[in-house]
Amino acid sequence: MRAAVLRGRRIEVRETTDPVPGPGQILVRTLSCAICASDLHFMDNPEGVAEDDSGLWDYHEDRDIVMGHEFVGEIVSFGPGTERRLPAGTRVTSLPVLVGAGPVRIIGCSPEAPGGFGELMLLTESLVRAVPDHIPPDQIALADAFAVGEYYVRRAALDSRDVPLVIGAGAIGLSAVAALRRRGVSPILVSDYNADRLETARVLGATHTVDPADRSPYDLWREVALDGRPGRPAFGGADPTAPRCVVFEFVGRPGVLDGIIQQCERGTRILTAGGPPEGDHISSMVAKRKGVNIQFGGGPDPEDWYGTLDAICAGELDVSPVIGMTVDLDGVPDALQLARRADGPARVMIRPVGGRGLEATR
């Protein structure tokens, strides 16, 4: 098959070995796959994979790896021991986890678990879900990205006093905005340097947006949430009815989390998804003095993933605003560079079969 192959930290578009489905697996022809920032983290920081003890990621510089874990495809054939409950030709997607005779792997993060940056990929039959033909494949492929935002918002367990501030309007930050709006949360504040992404945030439900180059997002939060009321004092006398700040961090660059700690309100809760693979430094003493509560990563859980997929398939969740560009396999290297700069569209979609170069969809 043709694929955008990762080898030796470089992407080459060429032929590679066709995957063969093992026990309980199915072979799928890829219809669409999105480029995610974690693809860049995986290819640029393999030492982070080496330090992970879960075994779900498996990087080898001298072996072909086909990335891509946000995908949709159609069934081609079946491995041994499969139930074949869905016929060949059915459009399907899946939680991006490959289970078989060997170790469990994240799809697109191991030589044995090729992802959607190629014409063919392997899925676990028991995790596969059929999807309706009338939903565009690019939107189905984004179930994974939007499930991440759903997970963080669900874990935040917001109540009427909590006023959210989303830092970073990439696809995951935007997915959190959508999850907040679906719960009827208002106001929703979003901060990003990219004007186009802030506009997309407004389309998805943000009530207030800000470019931090123009104004501090924390000053905006105080204006909107506190509306002239005093913030939480350093000692005693806190108003039990006062609004509380909940920050969702979706940037993933060193210094961002510490910047939030330095500038946020006392008592802020931070849910951080960014996780710079090269590590980070935070001012723990400042966080302690301000009573900041930080929750790192995790998820999405299956309930978030399949619940998000169901919402997309039912037409209850429109993820199309985050799609800004489509490419064929030959356009993947340039698209990865665009994603690395973080100044392009929130999601670039890959059509492994057919297409013409780098092309805007809206």
Protein backbone atom coordinates (compact mmCIF):
# COMPACT_ATOMS: atom_id res chain seq x y z
CA MET A 1 0.00 0.00 0.00
CA ARG A 2 0.97 3.67 -0.29
CA ALA A 3 1.37 5.57 2.94
CA ALA A 4 3.02 8.55 4.56
CA VAL A 5 5.63 6.51 6.40
CA LEU A 6 7.50 7.63 9.51
CA ARG A 7 11.04 6.29 9.58
CA GLY A 8 14.05 7.82 11.28
CA ARG A 9 12.00 10.87 12.33
CA ARG A 10 11.20 11.65 8.68
CA ILE A 11 8.02 11.27 6.66
CA GLU A 12 8.31 9.55 3.27
CA VAL A 13 5.35 8.98 0.96
CA ARG A 14 5.96 5.59 -0.62
CA GLU A 15 4.99 1.95 -0.75
CA THR A 16 5.12 -0.08 2.45
CA THR A 17 4.00 -3.57 3.41
CA ASP A 18 0.25 -4.21 3.39
CA PRO A 19 -1.00 -4.94 6.93
CA VAL A 20 -2.39 -8.42 7.55
CA PRO A 21 -5.21 -8.78 10.10
CA GLY A 22 -4.43 -11.03 13.04
CA PRO A 23 -6.82 -12.77 15.44
CA GLY A 24 -9.88 -10.64 16.15
CA GLN A 25 -8.77 -7.92 13.71
CA ILE A 26 -10.18 -6.55 10.46
CA LEU A 27 -8.48 -4.92 7.47
CA VAL A 28 -9.92 -1.52 6.58
CA ARG A 29 -9.44 0.83 3.62
CA THR A 30 -8.91 4.34 5.00
CA LEU A 31 -11.39 6.96 3.81
CA SER A 32 -10.29 9.90 5.95
CA CYS A 33 -7.84 10.62 8.76
CA ALA A 34 -6.99 13.79 10.67
CA ILE A 35 -3.57 15.12 11.63
CA CYS A 36 -3.32 15.56 15.40
CA ALA A 37 -0.69 17.41 17.45
CA SER A 38 0.09 14.13 19.21
CA ASP A 39 1.28 12.75 15.84
CA LEU A 40 3.90 15.50 15.87
CA HIS A 41 4.79 14.76 19.50
CA PHE A 42 5.24 11.09 18.62
CA MET A 43 7.53 11.69 15.63
CA ASP A 44 9.51 14.57 17.16
CA ASN A 45 10.03 13.20 20.68
CA PRO A 46 10.60 9.44 20.59
CA GLU A 47 12.40 9.63 23.93
CA GLY A 48 9.04 10.38 25.49
CA VAL A 49 7.78 7.08 24.13
CA ALA A 50 10.78 5.28 25.60
CA GLU A 51 9.95 6.71 29.04
CA ASP A 52 6.32 5.56 28.92
CA ASP A 53 5.72 2.34 30.85
CA SER A 54 2.26 1.52 29.49
CA GLY A 55 3.56 -0.28 26.38
CA LEU A 56 0.82 1.28 24.27
CA TRP A 57 3.35 3.22 22.15
CA ASP A 58 6.24 1.52 20.38
CA TYR A 59 8.67 3.71 18.44
CA HIS A 60 11.41 2.23 16.23
CA GLU A 61 13.60 4.51 14.11
CA ASP A 62 14.58 1.66 11.79
CA ARG A 63 11.06 0.33 11.10
CA ASP A 64 8.15 1.75 9.09
CA ILE A 65 5.43 3.37 11.20
CA VAL A 66 2.20 4.69 9.70
CA MET A 67 0.68 7.27 12.02
CA GLY A 68 -2.93 8.48 12.23
CA HIS A 69 -5.39 7.71 15.04
CA GLU A 70 -8.42 9.83 14.02
CA PHE A 71 -9.94 7.87 11.15
CA VAL A 72 -12.83 6.29 9.31
CA GLY A 73 -12.67 3.50 6.73
CA GLU A 74 -14.49 0.64 5.09
CA ILE A 75 -14.07 -3.06 5.81
CA VAL A 76 -11.96 -5.00 3.30
CA SER A 77 -11.34 -8.38 4.94
CA PHE A 78 -11.25 -10.28 8.22
CA GLY A 79 -8.60 -11.96 10.34
CA PRO A 80 -8.93 -15.36 12.00
CA GLY A 81 -11.37 -15.75 14.86
CA THR A 82 -13.55 -12.79 13.85
CA GLU A 83 -17.34 -12.83 14.09
CA ARG A 84 -17.81 -10.98 10.79
CA ARG A 85 -20.91 -9.30 12.18
CA LEU A 86 -20.49 -6.45 9.68
CA PRO A 87 -20.08 -7.21 5.95
CA ALA A 88 -17.19 -6.10 3.79
CA GLY A 89 -17.74 -2.58 2.47
CA THR A 90 -19.30 -1.29 5.71
CA ARG A 91 -18.09 2.14 6.77
CA VAL A 92 -16.61 1.90 10.26
CA THR A 93 -14.54 3.67 12.86
CA SER A 94 -13.14 2.62 16.21
CA LEU A 95 -11.50 3.66 19.43
CA PRO A 96 -7.85 3.79 18.24
CA VAL A 97 -6.63 0.72 20.09
CA LEU A 98 -5.41 -2.46 18.39
CA VAL A 99 -5.86 -5.71 20.28
CA GLY A 100 -4.64 -9.02 18.92
CA ALA A 101 -2.10 -11.76 19.50
CA GLY A 102 0.62 -9.30 20.58
CA PRO A 103 0.73 -6.36 22.98
CA VAL A 104 -2.11 -3.83 22.98
CA ARG A 105 -1.06 -0.77 20.95
CA ILE A 106 -2.39 2.69 20.15
CA ILE A 107 -3.19 2.71 16.44
CA GLY A 108 -0.69 4.81 14.51
CA CYS A 109 1.95 4.60 17.24
CA SER A 110 3.62 1.27 16.50
CA PRO A 111 4.95 -0.63 13.48
CA GLU A 112 2.40 -3.37 14.24
CA ALA A 113 -0.56 -0.97 14.43
CA PRO A 114 -0.60 1.10 11.21
CA GLY A 115 -2.88 4.11 11.25
CA GLY A 116 -4.82 6.29 8.86
CA PHE A 117 -1.86 7.93 7.09
CA GLY A 118 -1.96 4.93 4.75
CA GLU A 119 -4.38 3.31 2.34
CA LEU A 120 -4.98 0.31 4.62
CA MET A 121 -5.09 -0.16 8.38
CA LEU A 122 -6.03 -2.70 11.04
CA LEU A 123 -8.86 -2.37 13.57
CA THR A 124 -10.06 -4.48 16.48
CA GLU A 125 -13.37 -6.04 15.44
CA SER A 126 -14.89 -5.89 18.93
CA LEU A 127 -14.25 -2.12 19.12
CA VAL A 128 -15.53 -1.25 15.65
CA ARG A 129 -18.78 0.65 15.12
CA ALA A 130 -20.65 1.00 11.82
CA VAL A 131 -21.34 4.61 10.82
CA PRO A 132 -24.07 6.02 8.56
CA ASP A 133 -23.21 6.74 4.94
CA HIS A 134 -24.87 10.18 4.97
CA ILE A 135 -22.40 11.65 7.49
CA PRO A 136 -19.27 12.97 5.69
CA PRO A 137 -16.25 10.78 6.46
CA ASP A 138 -14.16 13.75 7.62
CA GLN A 139 -16.67 14.41 10.39
CA ILE A 140 -16.73 10.77 11.52
CA ALA A 141 -12.93 10.81 11.69
CA LEU A 142 -13.07 13.64 14.24
CA ALA A 143 -14.91 11.60 16.87
CA ASP A 144 -11.62 10.94 18.64
CA ALA A 145 -10.61 14.61 18.83
CA PHE A 146 -14.00 15.75 20.10
CA ALA A 147 -14.11 12.91 22.62
CA VAL A 148 -11.07 14.44 24.31
CA GLY A 149 -12.88 17.71 24.96
CA GLU A 150 -15.91 15.77 26.15
CA TYR A 151 -13.73 13.86 28.60
CA TYR A 152 -12.17 16.97 30.15
CA VAL A 153 -15.46 18.80 30.46
CA ARG A 154 -17.11 15.75 32.02
CA ARG A 155 -14.26 15.36 34.51
CA ALA A 156 -14.49 19.05 35.41
CA ALA A 157 -18.00 18.45 36.82
CA LEU A 158 -18.87 22.14 36.54
CA ASP A 159 -21.65 23.66 38.60
CA SER A 160 -23.43 27.00 38.33
CA ARG A 161 -20.58 28.88 40.05
CA ASP A 162 -17.88 27.70 37.67
CA VAL A 163 -16.90 29.94 34.74
CA PRO A 164 -14.64 28.17 32.23
CA LEU A 165 -11.64 29.66 30.44
CA VAL A 166 -10.23 27.61 27.56
CA ILE A 167 -6.55 28.29 26.79
CA GLY A 168 -5.73 27.18 23.24
CA ALA A 169 -8.24 26.94 20.38
CA GLY A 170 -6.77 24.04 18.47
CA ALA A 171 -9.05 21.12 17.68
CA ILE A 172 -9.01 19.81 21.26
CA GLY A 173 -9.69 23.21 22.81
CA LEU A 174 -12.49 23.70 20.30
CA SER A 175 -13.89 20.29 21.17
CA ALA A 176 -14.07 21.39 24.80
CA VAL A 177 -15.98 24.51 23.73
CA ALA A 178 -18.49 22.29 21.91
CA ALA A 179 -18.83 20.04 24.97
CA LEU A 180 -19.42 23.06 27.21
CA ARG A 181 -22.10 24.46 24.91
CA ARG A 182 -23.87 21.10 24.70
CA ARG A 183 -24.22 21.28 28.49
CA GLY A 184 -25.68 24.77 28.33
CA VAL A 185 -22.67 26.38 30.02
CA SER A 186 -22.43 30.17 29.72
CA PRO A 187 -20.30 32.23 29.65
CA ILE A 188 -17.50 30.36 27.84
CA LEU A 189 -14.19 32.23 27.45
CA VAL A 190 -11.51 31.19 24.92
CA SER A 191 -7.96 32.49 24.47
CA ASP A 192 -5.76 32.00 21.40
CA TYR A 193 -3.37 34.04 19.23
CA ASN A 194 -5.03 32.84 16.00
CA ALA A 195 -7.94 35.02 14.87
CA ASP A 196 -9.42 32.33 12.62
CA ARG A 197 -9.46 29.82 15.46
CA LEU A 198 -11.12 32.34 17.76
CA GLU A 199 -13.82 32.82 15.13
CA THR A 200 -14.30 29.04 15.00
CA ALA A 201 -14.57 29.02 18.79
CA ARG A 202 -17.41 31.53 18.54
CA VAL A 203 -19.16 29.36 15.95
CA LEU A 204 -18.92 26.39 18.33
CA GLY A 205 -20.29 28.30 21.31
CA ALA A 206 -17.72 30.59 22.90
CA THR A 207 -19.33 33.74 24.28
CA HIS A 208 -16.08 35.70 24.76
CA THR A 209 -12.76 35.35 22.93
CA VAL A 210 -9.44 37.08 23.42
CA ASP A 211 -6.01 37.28 21.81
CA PRO A 212 -3.53 37.29 24.74
CA ALA A 213 -1.28 39.57 22.71
CA ASP A 214 -3.99 42.21 23.09
CA ARG A 215 -5.33 41.53 26.56
CA SER A 216 -4.83 39.16 29.45
CA PRO A 217 -7.43 36.37 29.32
CA TYR A 218 -7.44 36.41 33.14
CA ASP A 219 -8.39 40.09 33.18
CA LEU A 220 -11.21 39.26 30.77
CA TRP A 221 -12.31 36.42 33.05
CA ARG A 222 -12.41 38.78 36.03
CA GLU A 223 -14.44 41.31 34.06
CA VAL A 224 -16.95 38.76 32.77
CA ALA A 225 -17.22 36.44 35.77
CA LEU A 226 -16.77 38.78 38.72
CA ASP A 227 -18.47 41.81 37.17
CA GLY A 228 -16.97 44.17 39.71
CA ARG A 229 -17.08 41.80 42.67
CA PRO A 230 -13.83 41.22 44.57
CA GLY A 231 -11.85 38.08 43.86
CA ARG A 232 -10.99 35.44 46.41
CA PRO A 233 -8.89 37.01 49.20
CA ALA A 234 -5.52 35.66 50.26
CA PHE A 235 -6.83 34.89 53.73
CA GLY A 236 -10.34 34.21 55.01
CA GLY A 237 -13.60 35.89 54.15
CA ALA A 238 -14.19 34.17 50.80
CA ASP A 239 -17.69 34.72 49.37
CA PRO A 240 -19.24 31.22 49.07
CA THR A 241 -21.40 32.40 46.16
CA ALA A 242 -18.59 33.99 44.15
CA PRO A 243 -17.80 32.61 40.66
CA ARG A 244 -14.92 30.15 40.44
CA CYS A 245 -12.37 29.94 37.64
CA VAL A 246 -11.90 26.63 35.82
CA VAL A 247 -9.12 26.71 33.22
CA PHE A 248 -8.81 24.13 30.45
CA GLU A 249 -5.25 24.09 29.06
CA PHE A 250 -4.91 22.71 25.52
CA VAL A 251 -1.64 24.17 24.25
CA GLY A 252 1.10 21.71 25.21
CA ARG A 253 4.08 24.05 25.10
CA PRO A 254 6.57 24.60 27.91
CA GLY A 255 5.73 27.59 30.08
CA VAL A 256 2.01 27.71 29.34
CA LEU A 257 0.90 25.84 32.47
CA ASP A 258 3.20 27.92 34.66
CA GLY A 259 1.85 31.08 33.06
CA ILE A 260 -1.65 30.03 34.04
CA ILE A 261 -0.53 29.41 37.63
CA GLN A 262 1.11 32.82 37.80
CA GLN A 263 -1.85 34.77 36.43
CA CYS A 264 -5.02 32.90 37.40
CA GLU A 265 -7.41 33.64 40.24
CA ARG A 266 -6.85 32.14 43.67
CA GLY A 267 -8.53 28.78 44.01
CA THR A 268 -8.54 28.13 40.25
CA ARG A 269 -8.96 24.57 39.03
CA ILE A 270 -6.79 23.70 36.02
CA LEU A 271 -7.42 20.72 33.77
CA THR A 272 -4.34 20.36 31.61
CA ALA A 273 -4.25 18.26 28.46
CA GLY A 274 -1.24 19.80 26.72
CA GLY A 275 1.61 17.83 28.26
CA PRO A 276 4.77 19.05 26.48
CA PRO A 277 6.67 15.85 25.64
CA GLU A 278 9.96 17.52 26.52
CA GLY A 279 8.73 18.20 30.04
CA ASP A 280 7.94 21.45 31.83
CA HIS A 281 8.53 23.51 34.97
CA ILE A 282 5.86 24.96 37.23
CA SER A 283 6.07 27.33 40.19
CA SER A 284 4.81 24.92 42.83
CA MET A 285 5.12 27.48 45.62
CA VAL A 286 2.89 29.95 43.78
CA ALA A 287 0.40 27.19 43.06
CA LYS A 288 0.38 26.23 46.72
CA ARG A 289 -0.11 29.77 47.98
CA LYS A 290 -2.95 30.39 45.53
CA GLY A 291 -4.66 27.08 46.32
CA VAL A 292 -4.54 25.98 42.68
CA ASN A 293 -5.86 22.51 41.89
CA ILE A 294 -4.24 20.86 38.83
CA GLN A 295 -5.54 17.74 37.10
CA PHE A 296 -3.36 16.13 34.44
CA GLY A 297 -4.45 14.21 31.39
CA GLY A 298 -6.08 10.87 30.97
CA GLY A 299 -8.92 9.88 28.70
CA PRO A 300 -10.94 9.88 26.72
CA ASP A 301 -12.76 6.95 28.28
CA PRO A 302 -14.89 4.68 26.07
CA GLU A 303 -18.07 6.42 27.28
CA ASP A 304 -16.70 9.74 26.01
CA TRP A 305 -15.48 8.28 22.73
CA TYR A 306 -18.55 6.33 21.71
CA GLY A 307 -20.90 8.95 23.15
CA THR A 308 -19.24 11.58 20.95
CA LEU A 309 -19.43 9.29 17.92
CA ASP A 310 -23.15 8.73 18.57
CA ALA A 311 -23.72 12.50 18.79
CA ILE A 312 -21.97 13.07 15.45
CA CYS A 313 -23.87 10.26 13.76
CA ALA A 314 -27.18 11.55 15.13
CA GLY A 315 -26.50 15.05 13.84
CA GLU A 316 -26.44 16.45 17.38
CA LEU A 317 -22.78 17.55 17.17
CA ASP A 318 -21.45 19.43 14.15
CA VAL A 319 -17.66 19.12 14.06
CA SER A 320 -17.25 20.55 10.56
CA PRO A 321 -16.17 24.06 11.68
CA VAL A 322 -12.73 22.76 12.73
CA ILE A 323 -11.97 21.28 9.28
CA GLY A 324 -9.98 23.72 7.21
CA MET A 325 -8.00 21.70 4.69
CA THR A 326 -7.82 18.33 2.97
CA VAL A 327 -4.77 16.66 1.43
CA ASP A 328 -3.93 13.44 -0.33
CA LEU A 329 -0.98 11.30 0.76
CA ASP A 330 1.49 13.37 -1.24
CA GLY A 331 0.38 16.46 0.68
CA VAL A 332 1.01 14.96 4.13
CA PRO A 333 4.63 16.18 4.65
CA ASP A 334 3.67 19.81 3.96
CA ALA A 335 0.50 19.46 6.04
CA LEU A 336 2.52 18.20 9.00
CA GLN A 337 4.77 21.24 8.75
CA LEU A 338 1.69 23.47 8.71
CA ALA A 339 0.31 21.69 11.78
CA ARG A 340 3.68 22.06 13.53
CA ARG A 341 3.54 25.84 13.15
CA ALA A 342 0.07 25.85 14.76
CA ASP A 343 -1.01 28.82 12.62
CA GLY A 344 -3.12 26.88 10.14
CA PRO A 345 -6.55 25.29 10.41
CA ALA A 346 -7.45 23.40 13.56
CA ARG A 347 -7.65 20.12 11.66
CA VAL A 348 -6.13 19.02 8.36
CA MET A 349 -7.81 15.93 6.91
CA ILE A 350 -6.00 13.28 4.86
CA ARG A 351 -7.75 11.39 2.06
CA PRO A 352 -5.33 8.50 1.42
CA VAL A 353 -7.16 7.37 -1.73
CA GLY A 354 -7.58 10.17 -4.29
CA GLY A 355 -7.45 13.94 -3.92
CA ARG A 356 -5.25 16.69 -5.25
CA GLY A 357 -2.43 18.11 -3.15
CA LEU A 358 -3.07 20.75 -0.53
CA GLU A 359 -6.56 22.17 -0.87
CA ALA A 360 -8.79 24.30 1.36
CA THR A 361 -12.31 23.01 1.99
CA ARG A 362 -13.75 26.30 3.17
